[in-house]
Amino acid sequence: MSFSMLPLELVYHVLTHAVLCGLREGRVRWAANLLAISRSCYTVMRPVLFQRTVLMPEELEPMFDFLKYCQLNGRKESVLGDVRELHILEDRLTDEAAKVFVSALIPARLHTVRVPDSVFRALSDSPDFAPRSFDATFWWPSDILALPPRALQSVTHMIVRFPDISTPRFPWILDLSAADKISSILGLLPALSHFALHHCMDCGAIPRGKHFTDFYDETKYLDIFRAILSRKHVVKVVVRLIGLVAMGTNPDKISKLLRSLQDHRLYTVVSDFSDMTDDMGYYLFYEARMDFTVWDMPCRQVYVDNDPDGVNCREGPSGS
């Protein structure tokens, strides 16, 4: 039986396992040769293997070595040219590594990206780069406003993290311009249908003499939520509370406030530091590679506290 006659699902699992094992063991040449066993085999399997690429931090260096090896050995086509969904779960990547990754991609084919700033900057230099979704991507409001407008025209899903890290002195406090920043971002996203706001605080952000309940300002929150809900083309809004903001009476206050808005598009997910999340918006166990994004989170409308029996956000609520 030829490789091209094997079920694609079987080919995917076998080849992915073999290549990743080789990369993790440092056998870069072996992994590269495996991918290029024959032109016909490679043509069939490469799109299946690389259409959705999720890279953990520990996989970046071997993948970087692999891509560099392919380039140095005269591979002319883009090794990751068939990638549609690219998720690099690491915030720090050297400029050299970023250039290697970008040269292995075809920017015009990317639909969904979660990549470090260095990779995004390199990608955005391409006039063909206009992804549909920044899915499971944290962007500070100030970062989004600095992006070229053409890179945002086709975006349907966006996740924004706030308070903005650029807020002077105490980034954990909602600054006066928060609602204006959110409104400005939404104005740059004509195709947006799904919007998530990740509201996060950690212990290290609390100034001396302050308490984690001191942040709450109903007027500021109302301004932010009304700015979001005023966009009628947005069909789902997920507010995710993380860290200190998900503790004590804070969730109840915010939940009550959201419920008062009586908008069926609005969901709140409450999480804390004990759930199995990394810092990139993914719910996963590293070993299992479970890459469920915020849009897959189980939740009930308005409020849930790590409830595994809640309704899937993608399906919508079963009741009020």
Protein backbone atom coordinates (compact mmCIF):
# COMPACT_ATOMS: atom_id res chain seq x y z
CA MET A 1 0.00 0.00 0.00
CA SER A 2 1.36 3.45 -0.88
CA PHE A 3 1.46 6.27 1.65
CA SER A 4 -1.08 8.24 -0.38
CA MET A 5 -3.63 5.41 0.09
CA LEU A 6 -3.41 5.42 3.90
CA PRO A 7 -6.26 7.10 5.79
CA LEU A 8 -5.22 10.72 6.35
CA GLU A 9 -6.11 10.56 10.04
CA LEU A 10 -3.76 7.61 10.54
CA VAL A 11 -1.03 9.33 8.54
CA TYR A 12 -1.48 12.47 10.63
CA HIS A 13 -1.13 10.71 13.98
CA VAL A 14 1.77 8.47 12.96
CA LEU A 15 3.76 11.18 11.21
CA THR A 16 3.10 13.84 13.85
CA HIS A 17 4.23 11.51 16.61
CA ALA A 18 7.34 10.42 14.74
CA VAL A 19 8.39 13.92 13.72
CA LEU A 20 7.81 15.47 17.15
CA CYS A 21 9.64 12.59 18.85
CA GLY A 22 12.57 13.16 16.53
CA LEU A 23 12.56 16.91 17.16
CA ARG A 24 12.34 16.51 20.93
CA GLU A 25 15.30 14.13 20.88
CA GLY A 26 17.33 16.58 18.84
CA ARG A 27 17.24 14.41 15.69
CA VAL A 28 16.54 17.33 13.40
CA ARG A 29 18.09 15.79 10.28
CA TRP A 30 16.11 12.59 10.82
CA ALA A 31 12.85 14.54 11.22
CA ALA A 32 13.53 16.56 8.08
CA ASN A 33 14.29 13.42 6.09
CA LEU A 34 11.12 11.78 7.38
CA LEU A 35 9.03 14.66 6.07
CA ALA A 36 10.72 14.37 2.70
CA ILE A 37 10.63 10.57 2.26
CA SER A 38 9.24 11.18 -1.18
CA ARG A 39 7.70 14.10 -2.97
CA SER A 40 4.33 12.40 -3.30
CA CYS A 41 4.24 11.41 0.37
CA TYR A 42 5.25 14.90 1.49
CA THR A 43 2.66 16.54 -0.78
CA VAL A 44 -0.13 14.46 0.74
CA MET A 45 0.90 14.73 4.36
CA ARG A 46 2.28 18.22 4.79
CA PRO A 47 -1.09 20.02 4.59
CA VAL A 48 -2.61 17.57 7.07
CA LEU A 49 0.30 17.89 9.48
CA PHE A 50 0.63 21.64 9.41
CA GLN A 51 -2.81 23.16 8.80
CA ARG A 52 -3.18 23.66 12.55
CA THR A 53 0.08 24.24 14.36
CA VAL A 54 0.16 24.59 18.16
CA LEU A 55 3.65 24.95 19.60
CA MET A 56 4.43 24.75 23.31
CA PRO A 57 7.45 26.68 24.66
CA GLU A 58 9.56 23.52 24.91
CA GLU A 59 8.88 22.73 21.24
CA LEU A 60 9.97 26.08 19.84
CA GLU A 61 13.72 25.49 19.83
CA PRO A 62 13.59 22.11 18.04
CA MET A 63 11.04 23.45 15.55
CA PHE A 64 13.24 26.50 15.00
CA ASP A 65 16.22 24.19 14.33
CA PHE A 66 14.09 22.12 11.96
CA LEU A 67 12.92 25.15 9.95
CA LYS A 68 16.44 26.54 9.80
CA TYR A 69 17.74 23.17 8.60
CA CYS A 70 15.15 23.11 5.82
CA GLN A 71 16.08 26.61 4.69
CA LEU A 72 19.82 25.97 4.75
CA ASN A 73 19.33 22.85 2.64
CA GLY A 74 17.63 24.66 -0.19
CA ARG A 75 13.97 23.90 0.45
CA LYS A 76 12.36 26.58 -1.68
CA GLU A 77 8.69 26.20 -0.77
CA SER A 78 7.48 27.50 2.58
CA VAL A 79 7.71 24.60 5.02
CA LEU A 80 4.68 25.90 6.94
CA GLY A 81 3.01 27.21 3.81
CA ASP A 82 -0.22 25.32 4.45
CA VAL A 83 -0.74 26.56 8.00
CA ARG A 84 -4.17 28.10 8.57
CA GLU A 85 -4.13 28.27 12.37
CA LEU A 86 -0.89 29.21 14.10
CA HIS A 87 -0.60 29.22 17.89
CA ILE A 88 2.81 29.81 19.47
CA LEU A 89 2.35 29.59 23.23
CA GLU A 90 5.36 31.65 24.21
CA ASP A 91 5.63 35.42 24.57
CA ARG A 92 9.38 35.71 24.05
CA LEU A 93 10.97 34.85 20.73
CA THR A 94 14.23 36.26 19.36
CA ASP A 95 14.15 38.37 16.21
CA GLU A 96 16.14 35.67 14.41
CA ALA A 97 13.63 32.98 15.37
CA ALA A 98 10.75 35.26 14.36
CA LYS A 99 12.24 35.77 10.89
CA VAL A 100 12.74 32.02 10.45
CA PHE A 101 9.13 31.29 11.39
CA VAL A 102 7.74 34.02 9.15
CA SER A 103 9.82 32.89 6.16
CA ALA A 104 8.37 29.39 6.63
CA LEU A 105 4.79 30.72 6.47
CA ILE A 106 2.58 32.16 3.77
CA PRO A 107 0.96 35.13 5.58
CA ALA A 108 -2.02 35.28 3.22
CA ARG A 109 -3.13 31.77 4.26
CA LEU A 110 -3.27 32.44 7.99
CA HIS A 111 -6.81 32.62 9.32
CA THR A 112 -6.13 32.39 13.06
CA VAL A 113 -3.05 33.53 14.92
CA ARG A 114 -1.78 33.60 18.47
CA VAL A 115 1.85 34.59 18.15
CA PRO A 116 4.46 36.65 20.04
CA ASP A 117 4.78 40.33 19.17
CA SER A 118 8.05 39.74 17.32
CA VAL A 119 6.38 37.26 14.95
CA PHE A 120 3.34 39.46 14.47
CA ARG A 121 5.47 42.50 13.63
CA ALA A 122 7.30 40.50 10.99
CA LEU A 123 4.03 39.11 9.61
CA SER A 124 2.33 42.49 9.48
CA ASP A 125 5.02 43.73 7.09
CA SER A 126 3.40 41.52 4.45
CA PRO A 127 0.65 43.28 2.46
CA ASP A 128 -1.16 39.93 2.21
CA PHE A 129 -1.49 39.43 5.97
CA ALA A 130 -5.12 39.90 7.03
CA PRO A 131 -6.17 37.09 9.41
CA ARG A 132 -9.80 36.50 10.28
CA SER A 133 -9.21 35.78 13.93
CA PHE A 134 -6.87 36.61 16.76
CA ASP A 135 -8.31 33.65 18.60
CA ALA A 136 -7.08 32.96 22.15
CA THR A 137 -4.71 35.90 21.80
CA PHE A 138 -3.98 38.42 24.50
CA TRP A 139 -3.50 41.91 23.18
CA TRP A 140 -3.16 44.95 25.39
CA PRO A 141 -5.41 47.76 24.10
CA SER A 142 -2.40 49.97 23.36
CA ASP A 143 -0.85 47.17 21.25
CA ILE A 144 -3.99 46.74 19.15
CA LEU A 145 -4.29 50.46 18.48
CA ALA A 146 -0.70 50.42 17.17
CA LEU A 147 -1.40 47.73 14.54
CA PRO A 148 -1.78 48.56 10.83
CA PRO A 149 -5.54 48.91 10.12
CA ARG A 150 -5.40 46.54 7.13
CA ALA A 151 -4.35 43.70 9.44
CA LEU A 152 -7.62 44.07 11.35
CA GLN A 153 -10.16 44.36 8.54
CA SER A 154 -11.05 40.65 8.41
CA VAL A 155 -10.81 39.81 12.11
CA THR A 156 -13.94 38.08 13.43
CA HIS A 157 -12.70 36.98 16.88
CA MET A 158 -10.67 39.15 19.22
CA ILE A 159 -9.53 38.80 22.83
CA VAL A 160 -8.36 41.89 24.68
CA ARG A 161 -6.65 41.85 28.04
CA PHE A 162 -7.13 44.71 30.46
CA PRO A 163 -6.39 46.84 32.43
CA ASP A 164 -3.84 47.98 29.92
CA ILE A 165 -0.22 47.38 30.91
CA SER A 166 0.55 50.91 29.72
CA THR A 167 -1.64 52.46 32.41
CA PRO A 168 0.64 54.70 34.54
CA ARG A 169 1.70 53.51 37.98
CA PHE A 170 -0.87 50.84 38.78
CA PRO A 171 -1.98 48.73 35.78
CA TRP A 172 -4.45 46.85 37.98
CA ILE A 173 -6.62 49.96 38.40
CA LEU A 174 -9.09 50.77 35.63
CA ASP A 175 -7.90 53.99 34.10
CA LEU A 176 -10.30 56.71 32.98
CA SER A 177 -9.70 56.06 29.28
CA ALA A 178 -10.46 52.31 29.42
CA ALA A 179 -13.89 52.63 27.77
CA ASP A 180 -12.51 54.98 25.11
CA LYS A 181 -9.71 52.51 24.30
CA ILE A 182 -12.16 49.63 23.96
CA SER A 183 -14.43 51.75 21.78
CA SER A 184 -11.50 52.76 19.56
CA ILE A 185 -10.46 49.11 19.14
CA LEU A 186 -13.97 48.05 18.16
CA GLY A 187 -14.03 50.83 15.60
CA LEU A 188 -11.06 49.19 13.86
CA LEU A 189 -12.81 45.79 13.58
CA PRO A 190 -15.62 46.03 11.01
CA ALA A 191 -15.99 42.23 10.68
CA LEU A 192 -15.91 41.43 14.40
CA SER A 193 -18.54 38.99 15.67
CA HIS A 194 -16.97 37.59 18.88
CA PHE A 195 -15.27 39.74 21.49
CA ALA A 196 -13.70 38.62 24.77
CA LEU A 197 -12.44 40.80 27.56
CA HIS A 198 -9.94 39.12 29.89
CA HIS A 199 -9.93 41.11 33.12
CA CYS A 200 -6.91 40.03 35.16
CA MET A 201 -5.26 40.99 38.42
CA ASP A 202 -2.43 39.31 40.28
CA CYS A 203 -1.14 39.74 43.80
CA GLY A 204 2.01 41.54 42.71
CA ALA A 205 -0.01 44.37 41.19
CA ILE A 206 -1.51 45.58 44.47
CA PRO A 207 0.17 48.72 45.82
CA ARG A 208 1.09 48.81 49.50
CA GLY A 209 -1.81 49.87 51.67
CA LYS A 210 -4.41 48.84 49.08
CA HIS A 211 -6.82 45.90 49.09
CA PHE A 212 -7.98 43.88 46.09
CA THR A 213 -11.55 45.11 46.65
CA ASP A 214 -10.50 48.75 46.23
CA PHE A 215 -10.47 48.58 42.45
CA TYR A 216 -14.22 48.28 41.93
CA ASP A 217 -15.81 51.28 40.22
CA GLU A 218 -19.29 50.62 38.86
CA THR A 219 -19.32 53.67 36.61
CA LYS A 220 -16.09 52.67 34.86
CA TYR A 221 -17.32 49.12 34.34
CA LEU A 222 -20.65 50.31 32.95
CA ASP A 223 -18.87 52.58 30.49
CA ILE A 224 -16.70 49.68 29.29
CA PHE A 225 -19.54 47.18 28.89
CA ARG A 226 -21.84 49.70 27.19
CA ALA A 227 -19.08 50.57 24.73
CA ILE A 228 -18.86 46.89 23.79
CA LEU A 229 -22.58 46.17 23.64
CA SER A 230 -23.24 49.24 21.49
CA ARG A 231 -21.66 47.34 18.57
CA LYS A 232 -24.68 45.53 17.14
CA HIS A 233 -22.62 43.35 14.78
CA VAL A 234 -20.97 41.63 17.76
CA VAL A 235 -23.01 38.49 18.52
CA LYS A 236 -21.10 37.15 21.56
CA VAL A 237 -19.27 38.93 24.34
CA VAL A 238 -17.29 36.91 26.88
CA VAL A 239 -15.97 38.60 30.01
CA ARG A 240 -13.40 36.44 31.78
CA LEU A 241 -12.32 37.29 35.32
CA ILE A 242 -8.89 36.03 36.32
CA GLY A 243 -6.95 36.11 39.56
CA LEU A 244 -7.88 38.52 42.36
CA VAL A 245 -10.78 39.96 40.43
CA ALA A 246 -12.34 36.48 40.49
CA MET A 247 -12.19 36.26 44.29
CA GLY A 248 -14.22 37.51 47.21
CA THR A 249 -17.28 39.61 46.42
CA ASN A 250 -15.86 40.95 43.16
CA PRO A 251 -17.50 38.35 40.86
CA ASP A 252 -20.91 38.92 42.47
CA LYS A 253 -20.65 42.67 42.02
CA ILE A 254 -19.62 42.41 38.38
CA SER A 255 -22.15 39.65 37.72
CA LYS A 256 -24.98 41.76 39.14
CA LEU A 257 -23.86 44.68 37.04
CA LEU A 258 -23.76 42.60 33.85
CA ARG A 259 -27.13 41.03 34.61
CA SER A 260 -28.65 44.51 34.92
CA LEU A 261 -27.70 45.20 31.31
CA GLN A 262 -30.06 42.39 30.18
CA ASP A 263 -28.20 41.61 26.97
CA HIS A 264 -28.43 38.02 25.71
CA ARG A 265 -25.04 38.30 23.99
CA LEU A 266 -23.18 38.64 27.26
CA TYR A 267 -21.41 35.84 29.12
CA THR A 268 -19.06 35.86 32.08
CA VAL A 269 -16.54 33.17 32.89
CA VAL A 270 -14.94 33.28 36.31
CA SER A 271 -11.67 31.44 36.77
CA ASP A 272 -8.87 31.52 39.29
CA PHE A 273 -5.24 30.49 39.62
CA SER A 274 -6.20 26.93 40.57
CA ASP A 275 -7.71 26.01 37.23
CA MET A 276 -5.60 24.29 34.59
CA THR A 277 -4.81 27.29 32.45
CA ASP A 278 -1.60 28.70 31.15
CA ASP A 279 -1.18 32.42 30.65
CA MET A 280 -2.18 32.40 26.98
CA GLY A 281 -5.92 31.87 27.21
CA TYR A 282 -5.77 28.13 26.68
CA TYR A 283 -7.41 25.56 28.93
CA LEU A 284 -5.02 22.64 28.71
CA PHE A 285 -2.93 20.02 30.37
CA TYR A 286 0.46 20.30 28.70
CA GLU A 287 0.76 16.54 28.28
CA ALA A 288 -2.64 16.17 26.63
CA ARG A 289 -2.29 19.20 24.33
CA MET A 290 -5.91 20.21 24.89
CA ASP A 291 -6.14 23.51 23.04
CA PHE A 292 -9.64 24.68 23.91
CA THR A 293 -9.90 28.42 23.55
CA VAL A 294 -12.09 30.90 25.36
CA TRP A 295 -14.87 30.30 22.83
CA ASP A 296 -15.09 26.65 23.94
CA MET A 297 -15.25 27.39 27.66
CA PRO A 298 -18.19 25.80 29.47
CA CYS A 299 -20.24 28.61 30.96
CA ARG A 300 -23.71 29.78 31.81
CA GLN A 301 -24.95 33.14 30.77
CA VAL A 302 -23.75 35.95 33.04
CA TYR A 303 -21.95 33.99 35.76
CA VAL A 304 -20.22 30.69 36.46
CA ASP A 305 -17.57 29.75 38.98
CA ASN A 306 -15.53 26.94 37.39
CA ASP A 307 -18.73 24.96 36.76
CA PRO A 308 -18.01 21.90 34.56
CA ASP A 309 -21.74 21.35 34.02
CA GLY A 310 -22.35 24.73 32.48
CA VAL A 311 -23.55 25.30 28.95
CA ASN A 312 -20.96 25.55 26.20
CA CYS A 313 -20.51 29.19 25.22
CA ARG A 314 -20.49 28.27 21.56
CA GLU A 315 -23.97 26.75 21.85
CA GLY A 316 -25.45 29.49 24.00
CA PRO A 317 -27.40 29.33 27.23
CA SER A 318 -30.25 26.93 27.87
CA GLY A 319 -32.00 29.40 30.09
CA SER A 320 -31.69 32.75 31.75
